[in-house]
Amino acid sequence: MSEPVNWLSALLRTVRQLLALLFKGRYGVAFWLMLALASFPAVVLAQPPCPGIHGRISDIRNSTGTVACALFESSKGFPTEFLRSATHITMMEVRDTQARCSFLDISPGTYALAVIHDEDRDGKLARNWLGIPREGLGFSSGARASMSAPSFEEASFSYDGQNLNMAIKLHY
């Protein structure tokens, strides 16, 4: 029974000696200098997060397919010609009925965002025989499609170059 106590007291004595060595004399100064210099780049040279436009896509019907986000800086081609007219496009898989699109290093200005849930991954917005979309569709600024897609002006928002978080709700 005295053996575990001796082993524990020997371990504690060794730890105390190491700590005393680290915090005393020239070794203590060297230890603290090394610790300060090691953390210097992380504190001083750390860059702030890159500003951008970040969209959280909600009301995704299921986790199949992909979500395409297209950022437009003018009404030209909005929203139907996103492959030709959008200034930035990002696509991601839907996971747990959630998606998030981010556009970084964007100049300040007026923009509009169009989002499509491409459930069958064919690269197009599926429509029924009347031309009504069967896949999810959403726009910035709460704009909604009624008889046709909303205009650029209805979906537009002002971006000042800082971080902008927005929620885009999909409609089916």
Protein backbone atom coordinates (compact mmCIF):
# COMPACT_ATOMS: atom_id res chain seq x y z
CA MET A 1 0.00 0.00 0.00
CA SER A 2 2.94 2.32 0.58
CA GLU A 3 4.25 1.68 -2.93
CA PRO A 4 1.54 3.73 -4.81
CA VAL A 5 1.99 6.60 -2.37
CA ASN A 6 5.77 6.62 -3.00
CA TRP A 7 5.22 6.53 -6.76
CA LEU A 8 2.75 9.44 -6.59
CA SER A 9 4.96 11.52 -4.33
CA ALA A 10 7.92 10.93 -6.66
CA LEU A 11 5.86 12.07 -9.65
CA LEU A 12 4.68 15.21 -7.83
CA ARG A 13 8.26 16.01 -6.75
CA THR A 14 9.45 15.69 -10.38
CA VAL A 15 6.70 17.95 -11.66
CA ARG A 16 7.50 20.56 -8.99
CA GLN A 17 11.17 20.49 -9.95
CA LEU A 18 10.37 20.98 -13.65
CA LEU A 19 8.04 23.89 -12.91
CA ALA A 20 10.62 25.50 -10.63
CA LEU A 21 13.21 25.18 -13.39
CA LEU A 22 10.87 26.75 -15.98
CA PHE A 23 9.94 29.73 -13.85
CA LYS A 24 13.30 30.58 -12.26
CA GLY A 25 16.44 32.23 -13.55
CA ARG A 26 17.54 32.28 -17.17
CA TYR A 27 15.43 29.23 -18.09
CA GLY A 28 12.28 30.99 -16.90
CA VAL A 29 13.08 34.08 -18.97
CA ALA A 30 13.84 31.92 -22.02
CA PHE A 31 10.58 29.98 -21.56
CA TRP A 32 8.42 33.11 -21.36
CA LEU A 33 10.25 34.77 -24.27
CA MET A 34 9.77 31.67 -26.43
CA LEU A 35 6.08 31.49 -25.50
CA ALA A 36 5.55 35.19 -26.31
CA LEU A 37 7.34 34.93 -29.66
CA ALA A 38 5.46 31.77 -30.61
CA SER A 39 2.09 33.46 -30.14
CA PHE A 40 3.18 36.78 -31.72
CA PRO A 41 2.28 35.91 -35.34
CA ALA A 42 -1.14 34.55 -34.36
CA VAL A 43 -2.04 37.70 -32.44
CA VAL A 44 -0.42 40.46 -34.48
CA LEU A 45 -0.52 39.08 -38.00
CA ALA A 46 -3.99 37.51 -37.85
CA GLN A 47 -6.15 38.75 -40.70
CA PRO A 48 -9.77 39.70 -40.14
CA PRO A 49 -12.35 37.45 -41.84
CA CYS A 50 -12.78 38.24 -45.51
CA PRO A 51 -15.82 40.45 -46.00
CA GLY A 52 -18.51 39.23 -48.36
CA ILE A 53 -22.13 38.44 -49.02
CA HIS A 54 -23.34 35.33 -47.20
CA GLY A 55 -26.73 33.77 -47.87
CA ARG A 56 -28.38 31.16 -45.67
CA ILE A 57 -30.87 29.18 -47.75
CA SER A 58 -33.98 28.07 -45.83
CA ASP A 59 -37.11 26.05 -46.53
CA ILE A 60 -35.32 23.52 -48.74
CA ARG A 61 -37.83 20.76 -49.41
CA ASN A 62 -35.37 17.84 -49.24
CA SER A 63 -31.66 16.97 -49.20
CA THR A 64 -31.43 15.82 -52.81
CA GLY A 65 -29.63 17.72 -55.53
CA THR A 66 -27.75 20.98 -55.39
CA VAL A 67 -28.40 24.64 -54.70
CA ALA A 68 -27.13 27.23 -57.18
CA CYS A 69 -26.69 30.84 -56.07
CA ALA A 70 -26.20 33.53 -58.72
CA LEU A 71 -25.16 37.10 -57.86
CA PHE A 72 -26.12 39.80 -60.38
CA GLU A 73 -24.87 43.39 -60.47
CA SER A 74 -27.36 44.57 -63.09
CA SER A 75 -30.76 43.68 -64.49
CA LYS A 76 -29.17 42.18 -67.62
CA GLY A 77 -30.23 38.52 -67.67
CA PHE A 78 -31.70 38.54 -64.16
CA PRO A 79 -32.64 35.90 -63.10
CA THR A 80 -33.07 33.49 -66.01
CA GLU A 81 -29.71 33.91 -67.78
CA PHE A 82 -27.51 33.35 -64.76
CA LEU A 83 -24.85 31.37 -66.65
CA ARG A 84 -24.31 34.27 -69.07
CA SER A 85 -25.11 37.30 -66.94
CA ALA A 86 -24.40 36.61 -63.26
CA THR A 87 -21.14 38.09 -62.01
CA HIS A 88 -20.62 35.27 -59.48
CA ILE A 89 -22.11 31.77 -59.28
CA THR A 90 -21.66 29.16 -56.58
CA MET A 91 -23.12 25.67 -56.28
CA MET A 92 -23.23 23.32 -53.33
CA GLU A 93 -24.85 20.07 -52.33
CA VAL A 94 -27.82 20.20 -50.01
CA ARG A 95 -27.04 18.64 -46.64
CA ASP A 96 -29.74 18.09 -44.04
CA THR A 97 -32.07 20.38 -46.00
CA GLN A 98 -29.63 23.28 -45.49
CA ALA A 99 -27.28 25.25 -47.71
CA ARG A 100 -25.21 28.40 -47.46
CA CYS A 101 -23.62 30.40 -50.26
CA SER A 102 -20.84 32.92 -49.83
CA PHE A 103 -19.43 35.47 -52.23
CA LEU A 104 -16.13 36.92 -51.04
CA ASP A 105 -14.11 39.92 -52.21
CA ILE A 106 -17.13 41.69 -53.70
CA SER A 107 -16.95 45.40 -54.52
CA PRO A 108 -19.52 47.70 -52.89
CA GLY A 109 -22.59 48.27 -55.04
CA THR A 110 -26.14 47.17 -55.76
CA TYR A 111 -26.74 43.47 -56.32
CA ALA A 112 -29.51 40.88 -56.54
CA LEU A 113 -29.27 37.20 -55.64
CA ALA A 114 -31.20 34.35 -57.28
CA VAL A 115 -31.20 30.83 -55.78
CA ILE A 116 -32.36 27.60 -57.42
CA HIS A 117 -32.75 24.16 -55.81
CA ASP A 118 -31.78 21.81 -58.65
CA GLU A 119 -33.22 18.59 -57.24
CA ASP A 120 -32.56 16.45 -60.32
CA ARG A 121 -29.08 17.95 -60.97
CA ASP A 122 -29.76 18.71 -64.61
CA GLY A 123 -28.55 22.31 -64.41
CA LYS A 124 -31.98 23.76 -65.21
CA LEU A 125 -35.04 24.86 -63.31
CA ALA A 126 -37.61 22.08 -63.88
CA ARG A 127 -41.05 23.35 -64.90
CA ASN A 128 -44.45 21.75 -65.34
CA TRP A 129 -46.42 21.84 -68.62
CA LEU A 130 -47.72 25.35 -67.76
CA GLY A 131 -44.17 26.65 -67.26
CA ILE A 132 -44.50 26.91 -63.47
CA PRO A 133 -41.29 25.94 -61.63
CA ARG A 134 -41.36 22.51 -59.92
CA GLU A 135 -38.04 23.10 -58.15
CA GLY A 136 -37.31 25.64 -55.41
CA LEU A 137 -36.67 29.23 -56.31
CA GLY A 138 -35.71 32.15 -54.05
CA PHE A 139 -34.50 35.74 -54.30
CA SER A 140 -32.83 38.36 -52.16
CA SER A 141 -34.79 41.11 -50.41
CA GLY A 142 -37.76 38.79 -49.97
CA ALA A 143 -38.77 39.13 -53.63
CA ARG A 144 -41.11 36.40 -54.88
CA ALA A 145 -42.12 35.12 -58.27
CA SER A 146 -45.81 35.43 -59.01
CA MET A 147 -46.79 35.30 -62.69
CA SER A 148 -43.14 35.83 -63.63
CA ALA A 149 -39.78 36.18 -61.92
CA PRO A 150 -39.28 39.36 -59.89
CA SER A 151 -37.36 42.22 -61.44
CA PHE A 152 -33.79 43.09 -60.52
CA GLU A 153 -35.09 46.16 -58.70
CA GLU A 154 -37.45 44.08 -56.55
CA ALA A 155 -34.66 41.70 -55.50
CA SER A 156 -31.83 44.22 -55.30
CA PHE A 157 -29.94 45.20 -52.16
CA SER A 158 -27.14 47.58 -51.33
CA TYR A 159 -23.74 46.17 -50.33
CA ASP A 160 -21.19 48.40 -48.56
CA GLY A 161 -18.17 46.07 -48.75
CA GLN A 162 -18.52 44.70 -45.21
CA ASN A 163 -19.95 41.35 -44.12
CA LEU A 164 -23.58 41.01 -45.13
CA ASN A 165 -25.64 38.05 -43.91
CA MET A 166 -29.00 37.42 -45.51
CA ALA A 167 -31.65 34.72 -45.48
CA ILE A 168 -33.11 33.44 -48.73
CA LYS A 169 -36.36 31.49 -48.50
CA LEU A 170 -37.08 28.99 -51.25
CA HIS A 171 -40.59 28.66 -52.70
CA TYR A 172 -41.84 25.61 -54.59
